[in-house]
N, C-alpha and C. Protein backbone atom coordinates (compact mmCIF):
# COMPACT_ATOMS: atom_id res chain seq x y z
N MET A 1 -40.05 -19.33 106.66
CA MET A 1 -40.08 -20.42 105.71
C MET A 1 -38.66 -20.69 105.21
N ALA A 2 -38.41 -21.93 104.91
CA ALA A 2 -37.10 -22.30 104.39
C ALA A 2 -37.00 -21.90 102.92
N GLU A 3 -35.79 -21.57 102.54
CA GLU A 3 -35.56 -21.22 101.15
C GLU A 3 -35.26 -22.49 100.36
N HIS A 4 -35.96 -22.67 99.27
CA HIS A 4 -35.79 -23.86 98.43
C HIS A 4 -35.17 -23.45 97.10
N ALA A 5 -33.90 -23.15 97.13
CA ALA A 5 -33.21 -22.76 95.91
C ALA A 5 -32.96 -23.99 95.04
N THR A 6 -32.97 -23.80 93.77
CA THR A 6 -32.73 -24.89 92.83
C THR A 6 -31.24 -25.20 92.78
N THR A 7 -30.89 -26.47 92.94
CA THR A 7 -29.49 -26.89 92.89
C THR A 7 -29.15 -27.30 91.47
N GLU A 8 -28.08 -26.76 90.95
CA GLU A 8 -27.61 -27.13 89.62
C GLU A 8 -26.62 -28.27 89.80
N TYR A 9 -27.05 -29.51 89.52
CA TYR A 9 -26.23 -30.67 89.81
C TYR A 9 -25.01 -30.79 88.91
N ALA A 10 -25.05 -30.18 87.75
CA ALA A 10 -23.90 -30.26 86.85
C ALA A 10 -22.69 -29.52 87.41
N ILE A 11 -22.92 -28.53 88.27
CA ILE A 11 -21.81 -27.76 88.83
C ILE A 11 -21.71 -27.88 90.35
N ALA A 12 -22.49 -28.77 90.94
CA ALA A 12 -22.48 -28.93 92.39
C ALA A 12 -21.14 -29.50 92.86
N ASP A 13 -20.71 -29.07 94.04
CA ASP A 13 -19.46 -29.58 94.60
C ASP A 13 -19.60 -31.07 94.91
N GLY A 14 -18.57 -31.82 94.60
CA GLY A 14 -18.57 -33.25 94.89
C GLY A 14 -19.30 -34.10 93.87
N ASN A 15 -19.78 -33.50 92.81
CA ASN A 15 -20.49 -34.25 91.78
C ASN A 15 -19.48 -34.76 90.76
N ASP A 16 -19.28 -36.08 90.75
CA ASP A 16 -18.31 -36.69 89.84
C ASP A 16 -19.08 -37.34 88.69
N TYR A 17 -19.33 -36.57 87.65
CA TYR A 17 -20.16 -37.05 86.54
C TYR A 17 -19.52 -38.22 85.81
N ALA A 18 -18.21 -38.19 85.65
CA ALA A 18 -17.53 -39.29 84.96
C ALA A 18 -17.71 -40.61 85.72
N GLU A 19 -17.62 -40.57 87.03
CA GLU A 19 -17.82 -41.77 87.84
C GLU A 19 -19.27 -42.24 87.75
N HIS A 20 -20.20 -41.31 87.76
CA HIS A 20 -21.61 -41.65 87.62
C HIS A 20 -21.87 -42.33 86.28
N GLU A 21 -21.29 -41.79 85.22
CA GLU A 21 -21.49 -42.36 83.90
C GLU A 21 -20.87 -43.75 83.78
N SER A 22 -19.68 -43.96 84.35
CA SER A 22 -19.05 -45.28 84.29
C SER A 22 -19.84 -46.30 85.10
N THR A 23 -20.42 -45.89 86.22
CA THR A 23 -21.25 -46.78 87.01
C THR A 23 -22.50 -47.17 86.24
N TYR A 24 -23.10 -46.21 85.54
CA TYR A 24 -24.29 -46.49 84.74
C TYR A 24 -23.97 -47.45 83.60
N VAL A 25 -22.84 -47.25 82.93
CA VAL A 25 -22.43 -48.13 81.83
C VAL A 25 -22.21 -49.54 82.36
N LEU A 26 -21.56 -49.68 83.51
CA LEU A 26 -21.35 -51.00 84.11
C LEU A 26 -22.68 -51.65 84.47
N PHE A 27 -23.59 -50.89 85.05
CA PHE A 27 -24.90 -51.41 85.43
C PHE A 27 -25.66 -51.92 84.21
N THR A 28 -25.68 -51.15 83.14
CA THR A 28 -26.42 -51.58 81.95
C THR A 28 -25.75 -52.79 81.29
N ALA A 29 -24.43 -52.85 81.31
CA ALA A 29 -23.74 -54.00 80.73
C ALA A 29 -24.03 -55.27 81.53
N LEU A 30 -23.97 -55.17 82.85
CA LEU A 30 -24.26 -56.34 83.69
C LEU A 30 -25.71 -56.78 83.56
N THR A 31 -26.61 -55.83 83.42
CA THR A 31 -28.02 -56.17 83.23
C THR A 31 -28.22 -56.90 81.91
N LYS A 32 -27.58 -56.41 80.86
CA LYS A 32 -27.69 -57.04 79.54
C LYS A 32 -27.15 -58.46 79.58
N TRP A 33 -25.94 -58.64 80.11
CA TRP A 33 -25.34 -59.97 80.13
C TRP A 33 -26.05 -60.90 81.10
N GLY A 34 -26.61 -60.36 82.16
CA GLY A 34 -27.41 -61.18 83.07
C GLY A 34 -28.67 -61.70 82.41
N ALA A 35 -29.33 -60.83 81.65
CA ALA A 35 -30.54 -61.25 80.93
C ALA A 35 -30.20 -62.29 79.87
N ILE A 36 -29.09 -62.12 79.18
CA ILE A 36 -28.66 -63.10 78.18
C ILE A 36 -28.35 -64.43 78.85
N ALA A 37 -27.68 -64.40 79.99
CA ALA A 37 -27.35 -65.64 80.71
C ALA A 37 -28.61 -66.37 81.15
N VAL A 38 -29.60 -65.65 81.64
CA VAL A 38 -30.86 -66.28 82.05
C VAL A 38 -31.56 -66.89 80.84
N ALA A 39 -31.57 -66.19 79.72
CA ALA A 39 -32.20 -66.72 78.51
C ALA A 39 -31.50 -68.00 78.04
N VAL A 40 -30.18 -68.01 78.08
CA VAL A 40 -29.42 -69.21 77.68
C VAL A 40 -29.71 -70.35 78.65
N LEU A 41 -29.73 -70.07 79.94
CA LEU A 41 -30.01 -71.10 80.93
C LEU A 41 -31.40 -71.69 80.73
N LEU A 42 -32.39 -70.84 80.51
CA LEU A 42 -33.75 -71.34 80.30
C LEU A 42 -33.85 -72.15 79.01
N THR A 43 -33.15 -71.73 77.98
CA THR A 43 -33.15 -72.48 76.72
C THR A 43 -32.51 -73.86 76.91
N LEU A 44 -31.39 -73.90 77.61
CA LEU A 44 -30.74 -75.19 77.86
C LEU A 44 -31.61 -76.10 78.73
N MET A 45 -32.29 -75.53 79.72
CA MET A 45 -33.20 -76.33 80.54
C MET A 45 -34.35 -76.86 79.69
N TRP A 46 -34.86 -76.06 78.78
CA TRP A 46 -35.95 -76.47 77.91
C TRP A 46 -35.51 -77.62 77.00
N ILE A 47 -34.28 -77.54 76.50
CA ILE A 47 -33.77 -78.58 75.59
C ILE A 47 -33.49 -79.88 76.34
N PHE A 48 -32.81 -79.81 77.47
CA PHE A 48 -32.33 -81.02 78.13
C PHE A 48 -33.27 -81.59 79.19
N LEU A 49 -34.22 -80.83 79.66
CA LEU A 49 -35.08 -81.33 80.73
C LEU A 49 -36.47 -81.72 80.24
N LEU A 50 -36.80 -81.38 79.02
CA LEU A 50 -38.13 -81.77 78.51
C LEU A 50 -38.04 -82.90 77.54
């Protein structure tokens, strides 16, 4: 049988936590501003097209 040892990702080789965190922050910021842009677009369409 294969050995299934638990990997500790906080100390794993090649794990760049700072890069992971900056990518997550960028993703959440773009998601937030994308949602705001869609809401503004829909509001403007509601005002000017109806």
